[in-house]
Protein backbone atom coordinates (compact mmCIF):
# COMPACT_ATOMS: atom_id res chain seq x y z
CA UNK A 1 96.51 108.54 82.04
CA UNK A 2 92.65 108.61 82.81
CA UNK A 3 91.50 110.11 85.79
CA UNK A 4 87.98 109.13 87.09
CA UNK A 5 85.73 112.17 87.54
CA UNK A 6 82.84 111.71 89.66
CA UNK A 7 79.70 113.68 89.37
CA UNK A 8 77.20 112.53 91.41
CA UNK A 9 77.35 111.54 95.18
CA UNK A 10 75.19 111.29 98.12
CA UNK A 11 75.60 113.99 100.67
CA UNK A 12 74.77 111.84 103.62
CA UNK A 13 76.01 107.97 103.60
CA UNK A 14 74.58 105.49 105.76
CA UNK A 15 77.39 103.84 108.24
CA UNK A 16 76.79 100.34 107.83
CA UNK A 17 80.38 98.90 107.65
CA UNK A 18 83.08 100.04 109.77
CA UNK A 19 86.90 98.91 109.88
CA UNK A 20 88.58 99.62 113.18
CA UNK A 21 92.35 99.27 113.65
CA UNK A 22 93.58 101.38 116.33
CA UNK A 23 97.16 101.84 118.31
CA UNK A 24 95.37 103.96 120.79
CA UNK A 25 92.46 102.35 122.08
CA UNK A 26 91.25 105.20 124.51
CA UNK A 27 87.33 106.06 123.92
CA UNK A 28 86.51 102.92 122.28
CA UNK A 29 84.58 101.76 125.31
CA UNK A 30 82.19 104.87 124.85
CA UNK A 31 82.22 104.97 120.98
CA UNK A 32 81.55 101.19 119.78
CA UNK A 33 78.35 100.74 121.87
CA UNK A 34 76.83 104.24 120.83
CA UNK A 35 77.84 103.21 117.20
CA UNK A 36 76.13 100.17 117.61
CA UNK A 37 72.96 101.80 119.33
CA UNK A 38 72.32 104.44 116.73
CA UNK A 39 73.03 101.96 113.91
CA UNK A 40 71.90 98.33 114.96
CA UNK A 41 72.84 96.80 111.83
CA UNK A 42 76.30 98.11 111.45
CA UNK A 43 79.14 95.45 111.24
CA UNK A 44 82.64 95.84 112.44
CA UNK A 45 85.58 94.78 111.08
CA UNK A 46 88.71 94.61 112.88
CA UNK A 47 92.19 93.15 113.64
CA UNK A 48 94.59 91.86 116.28
CA UNK A 49 94.52 93.79 119.72
CA UNK A 50 91.71 95.96 118.53
CA UNK A 51 89.55 93.16 117.60
CA UNK A 52 90.15 91.57 121.26
CA UNK A 53 89.16 95.11 122.92
CA UNK A 54 86.26 95.69 120.56
CA UNK A 55 84.96 91.97 121.43
CA UNK A 56 85.47 92.63 125.42
CA UNK A 57 83.13 95.98 125.01
CA UNK A 58 80.66 94.13 122.96
CA UNK A 59 80.38 91.05 125.23
CA UNK A 60 77.47 88.77 123.84
CA UNK A 61 76.77 91.18 120.74
CA UNK A 62 80.44 90.70 119.38
CA UNK A 63 79.56 87.40 117.40
CA UNK A 64 76.52 89.18 115.48
CA UNK A 65 78.53 92.55 115.06
CA UNK A 66 82.27 91.91 114.90
CA UNK A 67 84.18 90.05 112.37
CA UNK A 68 88.13 89.57 112.03
CA UNK A 69 89.69 91.16 108.82
CA UNK A 70 91.33 88.21 108.16
CA UNK A 71 87.82 86.00 108.14
CA UNK A 72 86.51 88.47 105.67
CA UNK A 73 89.58 88.60 103.51
CA UNK A 74 90.32 85.07 103.44
CA UNK A 75 93.72 85.72 104.04
CA UNK A 76 95.49 84.90 107.54
CA UNK A 77 97.68 87.94 109.16
CA UNK A 78 101.37 87.30 108.56
CA UNK A 79 103.36 86.21 111.55
CA UNK A 80 104.05 89.06 113.64
CA UNK A 81 100.78 91.02 112.31
CA UNK A 82 103.02 92.55 109.51
CA UNK A 83 100.25 92.21 106.68
CA UNK A 84 96.51 92.55 108.04
CA UNK A 85 94.91 94.94 105.92
CA UNK A 86 96.83 95.23 102.70
CA UNK A 87 94.15 93.26 100.72
CA UNK A 88 91.68 93.73 97.46
CA UNK A 89 88.73 93.51 99.31
CA UNK A 90 89.67 96.05 101.89
CA UNK A 91 90.55 98.67 99.24
CA UNK A 92 87.79 98.09 96.81
CA UNK A 93 85.62 98.51 99.99
CA UNK A 94 87.56 101.81 100.75
CA UNK A 95 87.46 103.21 97.32
CA UNK A 96 84.19 102.30 95.82
CA UNK A 97 81.92 104.75 94.66
CA UNK A 98 78.21 104.70 94.96
CA UNK A 99 76.96 105.58 91.47
CA UNK A 100 79.88 104.03 89.42
CA UNK A 101 78.31 101.00 87.91
CA UNK A 102 81.82 99.31 87.33
CA UNK A 103 82.53 99.77 90.83
CA UNK A 104 79.30 98.15 92.02
CA UNK A 105 79.85 95.14 89.92
CA UNK A 106 83.39 94.45 91.23
CA UNK A 107 81.86 94.75 94.37
CA UNK A 108 79.36 91.82 93.41
CA UNK A 109 82.10 89.85 91.56
CA UNK A 110 84.29 89.79 94.54
CA UNK A 111 81.73 89.65 97.62
CA UNK A 112 83.27 92.56 98.39
CA UNK A 113 81.37 95.38 101.06
CA UNK A 114 81.63 99.17 100.88
CA UNK A 115 83.58 100.37 103.77
CA UNK A 116 81.47 103.46 105.06
CA UNK A 117 83.68 104.51 107.99
CA UNK A 118 87.35 103.91 108.93
CA UNK A 119 88.73 104.27 112.54
CA UNK A 120 92.57 103.78 112.33
CA UNK A 121 95.49 105.71 114.19
CA UNK A 122 99.04 104.61 113.81
CA UNK A 123 101.81 102.88 115.50
CA UNK A 124 103.80 105.09 118.00
CA UNK A 125 106.45 106.14 115.86
CA UNK A 126 107.04 109.37 117.78
CA UNK A 127 106.45 108.03 120.94
CA UNK A 128 109.04 105.11 120.45
CA UNK A 129 111.80 107.55 119.15
CA UNK A 130 111.46 109.75 122.12
CA UNK A 131 112.72 107.33 124.40
CA UNK A 132 116.62 107.33 125.40
CA UNK A 133 118.84 104.80 123.73
CA UNK A 134 116.31 103.58 120.81
CA UNK A 135 117.76 102.12 118.24
CA UNK A 136 117.15 102.30 114.43
CA UNK A 137 115.86 98.77 114.15
CA UNK A 138 113.34 99.60 117.18
CA UNK A 139 112.19 102.93 115.35
CA UNK A 140 112.18 100.84 111.90
CA UNK A 141 109.69 98.45 113.50
CA UNK A 142 107.36 101.18 114.22
CA UNK A 143 106.73 102.56 110.96
CA UNK A 144 103.14 101.88 110.29
CA UNK A 145 102.35 100.61 106.54
CA UNK A 146 98.46 99.54 106.42
CA UNK A 147 97.63 102.21 108.66
CA UNK A 148 98.40 105.11 106.25
CA UNK A 149 97.23 103.31 103.26
CA UNK A 150 93.88 102.87 104.93
CA UNK A 151 93.71 106.39 106.21
CA UNK A 152 94.98 107.66 102.66
CA UNK A 153 92.38 105.61 100.75
CA UNK A 154 89.48 106.42 102.90
CA UNK A 155 90.12 109.98 102.94
CA UNK A 156 90.50 110.13 99.17
CA UNK A 157 87.07 108.71 99.18
CA UNK A 158 85.55 111.33 101.46
CA UNK A 159 82.74 111.82 99.06
CA UNK A 160 81.61 108.38 100.56
CA UNK A 161 83.71 107.27 103.55
CA UNK A 162 84.27 108.90 106.62
CA UNK A 163 88.22 108.52 108.05
CA UNK A 164 88.64 108.97 111.30
CA UNK A 165 92.37 109.23 112.99
CA UNK A 166 91.42 110.87 116.26
CA UNK A 167 89.66 109.83 119.31
CA UNK A 168 88.88 113.22 120.20
CA UNK A 169 86.71 113.07 117.04
CA UNK A 170 84.43 110.47 118.32
CA UNK A 171 81.81 112.60 120.28
CA UNK A 172 81.15 114.91 117.17
CA UNK A 173 80.73 111.65 115.07
CA UNK A 174 78.41 110.39 117.35
CA UNK A 175 76.14 113.51 117.47
CA UNK A 176 76.25 113.62 113.83
CA UNK A 177 75.31 110.22 113.55
CA UNK A 178 72.28 110.63 116.08
CA UNK A 179 71.40 113.82 114.02
CA UNK A 180 71.09 112.29 110.72
CA UNK A 181 69.74 108.59 111.33
CA UNK A 182 73.14 106.80 111.60
CA UNK A 183 74.49 108.88 108.36
CA UNK A 184 77.43 110.80 107.64
CA UNK A 185 77.50 114.24 105.95
CA UNK A 186 79.75 115.44 103.19
CA UNK A 187 80.79 118.38 105.48
CA UNK A 188 81.80 115.95 108.06
CA UNK A 189 83.54 113.82 105.93
CA UNK A 190 85.36 116.48 103.91
CA UNK A 191 86.48 117.75 107.72
CA UNK A 192 87.88 114.56 108.54
CA UNK A 193 89.71 113.92 105.20
CA UNK A 194 91.69 117.37 105.79
CA UNK A 195 92.68 115.89 109.59
CA UNK A 196 93.56 112.68 108.01
CA UNK A 197 96.02 114.06 105.46
CA UNK A 198 97.32 116.26 107.80
CA UNK A 199 97.88 113.11 110.34
CA UNK A 200 99.88 111.00 107.72
CA UNK A 201 101.83 113.89 106.33
CA UNK A 202 103.08 114.63 109.86
CA UNK A 203 103.79 110.94 110.48
CA UNK A 204 106.07 110.64 107.50
CA UNK A 205 107.52 113.90 108.13
CA UNK A 206 108.60 112.63 111.85
CA UNK A 207 110.01 109.37 109.89
CA UNK A 208 111.77 111.28 107.33
CA UNK A 209 113.62 113.78 109.94
CA UNK A 210 114.50 110.98 112.08
CA UNK A 211 116.25 108.82 109.36
CA UNK A 212 117.74 112.03 108.07
CA UNK A 213 119.56 112.48 111.62
CA UNK A 214 120.80 108.91 112.00
CA UNK A 215 123.94 107.57 110.39
CA UNK A 216 124.83 104.59 108.37
CA UNK A 217 127.01 103.47 111.53
CA UNK A 218 123.88 103.56 113.98
CA UNK A 219 121.79 101.52 111.42
CA UNK A 220 124.38 98.90 110.84
CA UNK A 221 125.23 98.48 114.27
CA UNK A 222 121.88 97.01 114.79
CA UNK A 223 122.69 94.05 112.68
CA UNK A 224 125.46 92.26 113.17
CA UNK A 225 125.58 90.42 110.24
CA UNK A 226 125.63 93.53 108.15
CA UNK A 227 128.33 93.64 105.43
CA UNK A 228 129.74 89.98 106.42
CA UNK A 229 130.33 87.75 103.17
């Protein structure tokens, strides 16, 4: 297998396209307006309840700055919102490299945009399983798929993309954007990537430990027809 080796990057990367999809919406009311103030040309892509919250925050500015992910990808969300961000245009935008001619050609060919920042936190699996008498099925429904994929893709591409998983980091990110004229530094992106991979590792470990502690009887009781002919 051939591994792509990057030899040239930009230390500072302008934040023009931001994807926001969060379970914990705290802090957005300050983060989003300041992000727009620092970079008036920023375009925000979002899904579901996060889209609705950002629309409220932006008010009359929402139409010019906010886009549904489904509108961008051309693929409507599946029923129940199970599939929203698992799309080629999203991952090309996350993984593309600035100084890779083939990547830039792919962006042009597909009408995709490079995504410069991902703001994602995950379905509340840990909170769900902490409730008394939670079922295996309820826990299963709170296993996030798209979120970890976006976090991992953006964190892998820290050479260009900022992967933001913690609302506590919003203030520091805004301070850096102000300092560098709407750009993030490699130092910040690398710091965020380390935190992002720790976040997804802990999330997966929590799921693995929960399932390891459950019996097949506990799982099968959730599904009345399991085992019926």
